[in-house]
Amino acid sequence: MNVAIFGGGIAGLSAAIHLLDKGYRVSLYEKRSVLGGKVSVWKDSDGDSIESGLHVVFGGYKELQSLLKHVGAEDAILWKDLALIYAEKDGKTTTFEKQKGLPSPYAELLGGLKTNVVNWRDKLSLIRGLLPLILFGDEDYFRSQDCITYSDWHARHGVTENALQRLWRPISLALNFIEPNVISARPMLTIFNYFGRNYEDARFGFFKANPNDSMIEPMRRYVLKKGGAIHCNARLKEFLLHDDGSVQAALLASGERIEADAYVSALPVHSFKKTIPKAWLKYDYFRNLFHFVGSPVANCQLWFDRKITDIDNLMFAHGTSFATFADVSIACADDYQAGQGTATGGSVLSLVLAPAHHLIDLPNDVIVEQVVKELKALFPKAREAKLLKSSLVKIPESVYKAVPGVDRFRPDQASPIRNFFLCGDYTYQKYLASMEGAALSGRAVAEKLSARLPKRNRIELLA
């Protein structure tokens, strides 16, 4: 019995790993020359890592951490002190952090009172608005708030506009690349739940090297070790159907015909929509996918000849084209280091540009010039530093826009088609569109597939 999976990101690799563990025979097909999907990394001509985005792990990413441990990469993450650090002009910073030594939610309460990000009126409004959420909120409540934007929820609970703009706007942009008056309240409240209830769940972590070397490569090796096959440069063109609508075969762009007993799409939702057979659109399950629209985002990397900051953590910014950023020459111990590649001891800034809808069509050099100008306003040392080189990765459609009303359209991993399944961070699971959501969907699709199609011998997984 054979299974075919299309898409070599975290979701596809997770599905492959779990299906292999269940005794199925697996082969994975990826359209590009590199695995990783939204977390892919490649090397430039200087040997420097170019990332598709700045990827940070939350302590609450339990499924992802379990998966890393399973493939022998449990030490891949460098955990940082829990703090929301906001870069201000002329080298100043403001912070929001928990009070160490106290249990939640008292640690958050005292930490919030001590923060210098917002004023006392904002602090009191935060306690009034967010403390009941931290104490009494649950998953059912979070999902019920998908009907309104976070800005609306924020105002309804009496939290000030200044707190919204100073504290939570950068979080919204980092989370889904859209503004608080656009994003659903549901994902924001989920994040508050993680941040407010447990120190371990809320802390940030960086990959020691980069997402490929620290995470994707160990997953790839595990798949191959377990007998799975991986094929890159293999783009899915279309599904060929039996008379009953089930999948007869998958046709690649190269003309190769892939036949299996079960098929799994681990493609991003915007890519999968292009391959949905017309005959399947009679099902709400597939038509509902057209409610999903991707968020544009860009990631800018800048190499300087000297260090412009000494902060070893994730940072946020106000009023800039970048929502969140980090000096990865400091935050990532096994990559971007002195004497490696271009930086030779200088800073390597990785910056998430969001919202990016107005940036996507601008020339790269214009965007980089703007980002460097904004960095010089924040960091005095940047004014004397020399920019050695830059990279800009534009993604017109990244994670789906988590706008109000869309959460209810997230599909189950088991489709109405007997031998066809979906996985991906947009499918239904308890978390958001994220690395954790992708890992959860991979486990879920393996469970749904094995329940519907119990293996008789072994299954081949194509992705």
Foldseek 3Di string as FASTA:
>chain_A
DAEAEEAQALLQLLLLLLQLVQFFAAAAEYQAPFGHVCFTWDADPLRAIDTSAAAKDFLQLVLQLVVCVVLPLNVFKDWDADWAWEFDFPADIWIQHFQPPDAPPVRNLVSLCPTPLDDPVQSVLCCQQCVCLLVPNDLVNLVVQLQAFQVVSSVVSRHDPSCCQRPPQLVVCVPAQDGRRFFTNNQVSVLCNQCGHGRSRGTIIAGQAGCCVSPSVSSVVSSVVSNAHYHYSWAWDEFDADPVRAGQWTATPVRDTGGFQFYEYADALVVVLNHDDPVVVVDLLNVLSVVWFFQKKKKKKWAWQAEQDQDQGKYAYHPAQFGIKDQCCRNHNHHVDAPGGDRNHYTIMITIGGPCPVPQPDDPVVVVVRRLVVVCRRTVVSVVIDTPDMDMNIDRGDHTRNGRPSLVSAAQQDDPHLRYGYAALSHDDSHHRHSSSSSVRSNRNSVVNCVSPPDPRHYYYYD
